[in-house]
Amino acid sequence: MRRFSLLLLALCFALPATALADGASDFATYCSTCHGATGQGDGAAAAAMDPKPASFNAEFFKTRDDATLTKAIKEGGTAVGKSAMMSPWGSVLKDDQIKAVVAHIKTLAK
């Protein structure tokens, strides 16, 4: 837990507060429909999905580096050995937006 706290602290200093806010905003716009507002995998679309969207409390999200999470968002779930239900967002989100979304996801991984 201490390691995660230090990582989160480093992320907060690496990104301006506005970037973190933008990450939360982009997460709400593009991710929460499936992953839920708090990242529990319980978004409105989740009920109809099989497999269910990932919960950011899952060990996968606690232990993955930013590059892996970035790749999953940019290229889709299959790019990191996860579900094809996770669509690629690289054509929609710019690299700085994805970086901010990754930082926001890490605030949700408890």
N, C-alpha and C. Protein backbone atom coordinates (compact mmCIF):
# COMPACT_ATOMS: atom_id res chain seq x y z
N MET A 1 0.83 -1.20 0.00
CA MET A 1 0.00 0.00 0.00
C MET A 1 0.87 1.26 0.00
N ARG A 2 1.97 1.21 0.76
CA ARG A 2 2.85 2.38 0.81
C ARG A 2 3.44 2.67 -0.56
N ARG A 3 3.82 1.59 -1.27
CA ARG A 3 4.38 1.77 -2.61
C ARG A 3 3.38 2.46 -3.53
N PHE A 4 2.12 2.03 -3.47
CA PHE A 4 1.07 2.64 -4.29
C PHE A 4 0.88 4.10 -3.91
N SER A 5 0.90 4.41 -2.64
CA SER A 5 0.72 5.79 -2.18
C SER A 5 1.85 6.68 -2.70
N LEU A 6 3.07 6.17 -2.67
CA LEU A 6 4.19 6.94 -3.18
C LEU A 6 4.08 7.14 -4.68
N LEU A 7 3.63 6.10 -5.39
CA LEU A 7 3.44 6.21 -6.83
C LEU A 7 2.36 7.24 -7.15
N LEU A 8 1.27 7.20 -6.42
CA LEU A 8 0.19 8.16 -6.63
C LEU A 8 0.67 9.58 -6.35
N LEU A 9 1.43 9.75 -5.30
CA LEU A 9 1.98 11.06 -4.97
C LEU A 9 2.89 11.55 -6.10
N ALA A 10 3.71 10.67 -6.64
CA ALA A 10 4.59 11.06 -7.75
C ALA A 10 3.77 11.45 -8.97
N LEU A 11 2.70 10.72 -9.22
CA LEU A 11 1.84 11.06 -10.36
C LEU A 11 1.19 12.42 -10.18
N CYS A 12 0.77 12.71 -8.99
CA CYS A 12 0.12 13.99 -8.74
C CYS A 12 1.08 15.15 -8.98
N PHE A 13 2.35 14.96 -8.65
CA PHE A 13 3.32 16.02 -8.89
C PHE A 13 3.76 16.06 -10.35
N ALA A 14 3.65 14.93 -11.05
CA ALA A 14 4.07 14.86 -12.45
C ALA A 14 3.04 15.51 -13.38
N LEU A 15 1.79 15.55 -12.96
CA LEU A 15 0.73 16.13 -13.77
C LEU A 15 0.14 17.34 -13.07
N PRO A 16 -0.09 18.40 -13.78
CA PRO A 16 -0.75 19.55 -13.16
C PRO A 16 -2.15 19.17 -12.69
N ALA A 17 -2.66 19.88 -11.71
CA ALA A 17 -4.00 19.59 -11.18
C ALA A 17 -5.05 19.64 -12.28
N THR A 18 -4.88 20.52 -13.24
CA THR A 18 -5.86 20.60 -14.33
C THR A 18 -5.84 19.32 -15.16
N ALA A 19 -4.67 18.69 -15.32
CA ALA A 19 -4.59 17.44 -16.07
C ALA A 19 -5.34 16.34 -15.34
N LEU A 20 -5.19 16.28 -14.00
CA LEU A 20 -5.94 15.29 -13.23
C LEU A 20 -7.44 15.53 -13.34
N ALA A 21 -7.84 16.78 -13.31
CA ALA A 21 -9.26 17.10 -13.46
C ALA A 21 -9.74 16.72 -14.85
N ASP A 22 -8.92 16.99 -15.87
CA ASP A 22 -9.29 16.60 -17.23
C ASP A 22 -9.36 15.08 -17.36
N GLY A 23 -8.46 14.37 -16.67
CA GLY A 23 -8.50 12.90 -16.68
C GLY A 23 -9.80 12.39 -16.09
N ALA A 24 -10.25 13.01 -15.01
CA ALA A 24 -11.52 12.62 -14.40
C ALA A 24 -12.69 12.93 -15.34
N SER A 25 -12.60 14.06 -16.01
CA SER A 25 -13.65 14.44 -16.95
C SER A 25 -13.69 13.48 -18.14
N ASP A 26 -12.52 13.18 -18.71
CA ASP A 26 -12.48 12.23 -19.83
C ASP A 26 -12.91 10.84 -19.38
N PHE A 27 -12.52 10.44 -18.17
CA PHE A 27 -12.96 9.15 -17.64
C PHE A 27 -14.49 9.12 -17.56
N ALA A 28 -15.09 10.18 -17.04
CA ALA A 28 -16.55 10.24 -16.93
C ALA A 28 -17.21 10.17 -18.31
N THR A 29 -16.60 10.81 -19.30
CA THR A 29 -17.16 10.84 -20.65
C THR A 29 -17.00 9.51 -21.37
N TYR A 30 -15.81 8.92 -21.32
CA TYR A 30 -15.50 7.78 -22.17
C TYR A 30 -15.46 6.43 -21.47
N CYS A 31 -15.24 6.41 -20.17
CA CYS A 31 -14.99 5.15 -19.48
C CYS A 31 -16.09 4.72 -18.51
N SER A 32 -16.74 5.69 -17.88
CA SER A 32 -17.66 5.36 -16.79
C SER A 32 -18.90 4.60 -17.25
N THR A 33 -19.28 4.69 -18.51
CA THR A 33 -20.44 3.94 -18.99
C THR A 33 -20.26 2.46 -18.74
N CYS A 34 -19.04 1.98 -18.90
CA CYS A 34 -18.76 0.56 -18.66
C CYS A 34 -18.15 0.33 -17.27
N HIS A 35 -17.14 1.13 -16.92
CA HIS A 35 -16.39 0.90 -15.69
C HIS A 35 -17.05 1.50 -14.45
N GLY A 36 -18.05 2.35 -14.61
CA GLY A 36 -18.73 2.97 -13.48
C GLY A 36 -18.02 4.23 -13.02
N ALA A 37 -18.74 5.10 -12.38
CA ALA A 37 -18.22 6.40 -11.94
C ALA A 37 -17.04 6.26 -10.98
N THR A 38 -17.03 5.21 -10.18
CA THR A 38 -15.94 5.01 -9.22
C THR A 38 -15.00 3.88 -9.64
N GLY A 39 -15.14 3.41 -10.88
CA GLY A 39 -14.23 2.40 -11.39
C GLY A 39 -14.43 1.00 -10.86
N GLN A 40 -15.65 0.69 -10.43
CA GLN A 40 -15.92 -0.63 -9.86
C GLN A 40 -16.38 -1.66 -10.90
N GLY A 41 -16.44 -1.25 -12.18
CA GLY A 41 -16.90 -2.16 -13.22
C GLY A 41 -18.41 -2.29 -13.26
N ASP A 42 -19.09 -1.29 -12.72
CA ASP A 42 -20.54 -1.35 -12.56
C ASP A 42 -21.27 -0.24 -13.30
N GLY A 43 -20.73 0.16 -14.45
CA GLY A 43 -21.38 1.21 -15.23
C GLY A 43 -22.70 0.73 -15.82
N ALA A 44 -23.47 1.64 -16.38
CA ALA A 44 -24.78 1.32 -16.93
C ALA A 44 -24.73 0.23 -17.99
N ALA A 45 -23.69 0.19 -18.79
CA ALA A 45 -23.58 -0.81 -19.85
C ALA A 45 -23.07 -2.16 -19.34
N ALA A 46 -22.54 -2.20 -18.15
CA ALA A 46 -21.92 -3.41 -17.62
C ALA A 46 -22.87 -4.59 -17.52
N ALA A 47 -24.13 -4.33 -17.21
CA ALA A 47 -25.09 -5.42 -17.03
C ALA A 47 -25.22 -6.28 -18.28
N ALA A 48 -25.05 -5.69 -19.44
CA ALA A 48 -25.21 -6.42 -20.69
C ALA A 48 -23.90 -6.99 -21.22
N MET A 49 -22.82 -6.82 -20.50
CA MET A 49 -21.50 -7.23 -21.01
C MET A 49 -21.04 -8.54 -20.40
N ASP A 50 -20.38 -9.35 -21.24
CA ASP A 50 -19.77 -10.60 -20.80
C ASP A 50 -18.48 -10.79 -21.58
N PRO A 51 -17.35 -10.66 -20.95
CA PRO A 51 -17.14 -10.51 -19.52
C PRO A 51 -17.44 -9.08 -19.05
N LYS A 52 -17.61 -8.96 -17.76
CA LYS A 52 -17.90 -7.66 -17.17
C LYS A 52 -16.68 -6.75 -17.26
N PRO A 53 -16.89 -5.46 -17.30
CA PRO A 53 -15.76 -4.52 -17.30
C PRO A 53 -14.94 -4.67 -16.02
N ALA A 54 -13.68 -4.38 -16.15
CA ALA A 54 -12.77 -4.50 -15.02
C ALA A 54 -13.10 -3.51 -13.92
N SER A 55 -12.88 -3.95 -12.70
CA SER A 55 -12.92 -3.06 -11.55
C SER A 55 -11.49 -2.59 -11.32
N PHE A 56 -11.31 -1.31 -11.10
CA PHE A 56 -9.97 -0.80 -10.89
C PHE A 56 -9.43 -1.13 -9.52
N ASN A 57 -10.21 -1.82 -8.70
CA ASN A 57 -9.70 -2.36 -7.45
C ASN A 57 -8.98 -3.68 -7.67
N ALA A 58 -9.15 -4.26 -8.88
CA ALA A 58 -8.52 -5.54 -9.19
C ALA A 58 -7.00 -5.41 -9.15
N GLU A 59 -6.35 -6.49 -8.79
CA GLU A 59 -4.89 -6.50 -8.66
C GLU A 59 -4.19 -6.06 -9.94
N PHE A 60 -4.77 -6.36 -11.10
CA PHE A 60 -4.19 -5.96 -12.39
C PHE A 60 -3.91 -4.46 -12.43
N PHE A 61 -4.81 -3.67 -11.91
CA PHE A 61 -4.67 -2.22 -11.99
C PHE A 61 -3.77 -1.67 -10.89
N LYS A 62 -3.64 -2.40 -9.81
CA LYS A 62 -2.78 -1.94 -8.72
C LYS A 62 -1.30 -2.15 -9.06
N THR A 63 -1.01 -3.12 -9.89
CA THR A 63 0.37 -3.50 -10.13
C THR A 63 0.88 -3.12 -11.51
N ARG A 64 0.06 -2.62 -12.38
CA ARG A 64 0.50 -2.31 -13.74
C ARG A 64 1.10 -0.92 -13.83
N ASP A 65 2.11 -0.85 -14.65
CA ASP A 65 2.77 0.43 -14.88
C ASP A 65 1.93 1.27 -15.84
N ASP A 66 2.26 2.52 -15.92
CA ASP A 66 1.51 3.44 -16.78
C ASP A 66 1.52 3.01 -18.24
N ALA A 67 2.63 2.45 -18.70
CA ALA A 67 2.73 2.04 -20.10
C ALA A 67 1.72 0.96 -20.44
N THR A 68 1.49 0.02 -19.53
CA THR A 68 0.52 -1.05 -19.77
C THR A 68 -0.89 -0.49 -19.81
N LEU A 69 -1.22 0.36 -18.85
CA LEU A 69 -2.55 0.97 -18.82
C LEU A 69 -2.76 1.85 -20.05
N THR A 70 -1.74 2.58 -20.43
CA THR A 70 -1.82 3.43 -21.62
C THR A 70 -2.09 2.58 -22.85
N LYS A 71 -1.38 1.48 -22.97
CA LYS A 71 -1.55 0.57 -24.12
C LYS A 71 -2.96 0.01 -24.16
N ALA A 72 -3.50 -0.37 -23.00
CA ALA A 72 -4.87 -0.90 -22.94
C ALA A 72 -5.88 0.14 -23.40
N ILE A 73 -5.71 1.37 -22.98
CA ILE A 73 -6.64 2.43 -23.37
C ILE A 73 -6.46 2.76 -24.85
N LYS A 74 -5.24 2.88 -25.27
CA LYS A 74 -4.95 3.30 -26.64
C LYS A 74 -5.29 2.22 -27.67
N GLU A 75 -4.92 0.94 -27.36
CA GLU A 75 -5.04 -0.13 -28.35
C GLU A 75 -6.15 -1.13 -28.04
N GLY A 76 -6.76 -1.05 -26.87
CA GLY A 76 -7.82 -1.98 -26.51
C GLY A 76 -7.33 -3.09 -25.60
N GLY A 77 -8.27 -3.81 -25.02
CA GLY A 77 -7.96 -4.85 -24.04
C GLY A 77 -7.09 -5.97 -24.56
N THR A 78 -7.30 -6.39 -25.80
CA THR A 78 -6.52 -7.51 -26.33
C THR A 78 -5.04 -7.18 -26.44
N ALA A 79 -4.69 -5.92 -26.54
CA ALA A 79 -3.28 -5.51 -26.64
C ALA A 79 -2.49 -5.84 -25.37
N VAL A 80 -3.21 -6.02 -24.26
CA VAL A 80 -2.55 -6.36 -22.99
C VAL A 80 -3.07 -7.68 -22.43
N GLY A 81 -3.65 -8.50 -23.29
CA GLY A 81 -4.12 -9.81 -22.87
C GLY A 81 -5.43 -9.80 -22.10
N LYS A 82 -6.20 -8.75 -22.27
CA LYS A 82 -7.49 -8.64 -21.59
C LYS A 82 -8.62 -8.73 -22.61
N SER A 83 -9.82 -8.46 -22.19
CA SER A 83 -11.01 -8.64 -23.00
C SER A 83 -11.06 -7.76 -24.24
N ALA A 84 -11.57 -8.33 -25.31
CA ALA A 84 -11.81 -7.58 -26.55
C ALA A 84 -12.97 -6.59 -26.37
N MET A 85 -13.73 -6.73 -25.30
CA MET A 85 -14.82 -5.79 -25.01
C MET A 85 -14.28 -4.40 -24.68
N MET A 86 -13.01 -4.34 -24.24
CA MET A 86 -12.37 -3.06 -23.99
C MET A 86 -11.92 -2.51 -25.33
N SER A 87 -12.62 -1.51 -25.79
CA SER A 87 -12.35 -0.91 -27.09
C SER A 87 -11.09 -0.06 -27.07
N PRO A 88 -10.43 0.06 -28.22
CA PRO A 88 -9.30 0.99 -28.30
C PRO A 88 -9.80 2.43 -28.40
N TRP A 89 -9.16 3.32 -27.66
CA TRP A 89 -9.56 4.73 -27.64
C TRP A 89 -8.50 5.65 -28.23
N GLY A 90 -7.45 5.07 -28.82
CA GLY A 90 -6.35 5.86 -29.35
C GLY A 90 -6.73 6.80 -30.48
N SER A 91 -7.80 6.49 -31.19
CA SER A 91 -8.22 7.38 -32.27
C SER A 91 -9.13 8.49 -31.76
N VAL A 92 -9.54 8.39 -30.51
CA VAL A 92 -10.45 9.38 -29.91
C VAL A 92 -9.70 10.29 -28.95
N LEU A 93 -8.86 9.70 -28.12
CA LEU A 93 -8.14 10.45 -27.08
C LEU A 93 -6.69 10.70 -27.50
N LYS A 94 -6.21 11.89 -27.25
CA LYS A 94 -4.82 12.24 -27.51
C LYS A 94 -3.95 11.66 -26.40
N ASP A 95 -2.65 11.58 -26.66
CA ASP A 95 -1.72 10.99 -25.68
C ASP A 95 -1.79 11.68 -24.32
N ASP A 96 -1.89 13.01 -24.30
CA ASP A 96 -1.95 13.70 -23.01
C ASP A 96 -3.26 13.41 -22.28
N GLN A 97 -4.34 13.19 -23.02
CA GLN A 97 -5.61 12.82 -22.39
C GLN A 97 -5.51 11.42 -21.79
N ILE A 98 -4.91 10.51 -22.52
CA ILE A 98 -4.74 9.14 -22.02
C ILE A 98 -3.88 9.15 -20.77
N LYS A 99 -2.82 9.93 -20.77
CA LYS A 99 -1.95 10.03 -19.58
C LYS A 99 -2.76 10.52 -18.37
N ALA A 100 -3.62 11.49 -18.60
CA ALA A 100 -4.44 12.01 -17.50
C ALA A 100 -5.48 10.98 -17.05
N VAL A 101 -6.05 10.22 -17.98
CA VAL A 101 -7.01 9.17 -17.61
C VAL A 101 -6.30 8.09 -16.79
N VAL A 102 -5.09 7.70 -17.19
CA VAL A 102 -4.32 6.71 -16.43
C VAL A 102 -4.09 7.21 -15.00
N ALA A 103 -3.71 8.47 -14.86
CA ALA A 103 -3.51 9.04 -13.52
C ALA A 103 -4.80 8.98 -12.71
N HIS A 104 -5.93 9.27 -13.36
CA HIS A 104 -7.22 9.21 -12.66
C HIS A 104 -7.55 7.78 -12.25
N ILE A 105 -7.31 6.83 -13.13
CA ILE A 105 -7.58 5.41 -12.82
C ILE A 105 -6.79 5.00 -11.58
N LYS A 106 -5.57 5.45 -11.49
CA LYS A 106 -4.75 5.09 -10.34
C LYS A 106 -5.30 5.68 -9.03
N THR A 107 -6.04 6.76 -9.11
CA THR A 107 -6.68 7.28 -7.90
C THR A 107 -7.86 6.40 -7.50
N LEU A 108 -8.41 5.65 -8.44
CA LEU A 108 -9.56 4.78 -8.17
C LEU A 108 -9.13 3.40 -7.66
N ALA A 109 -7.91 2.97 -7.98
CA ALA A 109 -7.41 1.66 -7.55
C ALA A 109 -7.07 1.74 -6.08
N LYS A 110 -7.86 1.07 -5.29
CA LYS A 110 -7.69 1.13 -3.83
C LYS A 110 -7.12 -0.17 -3.30
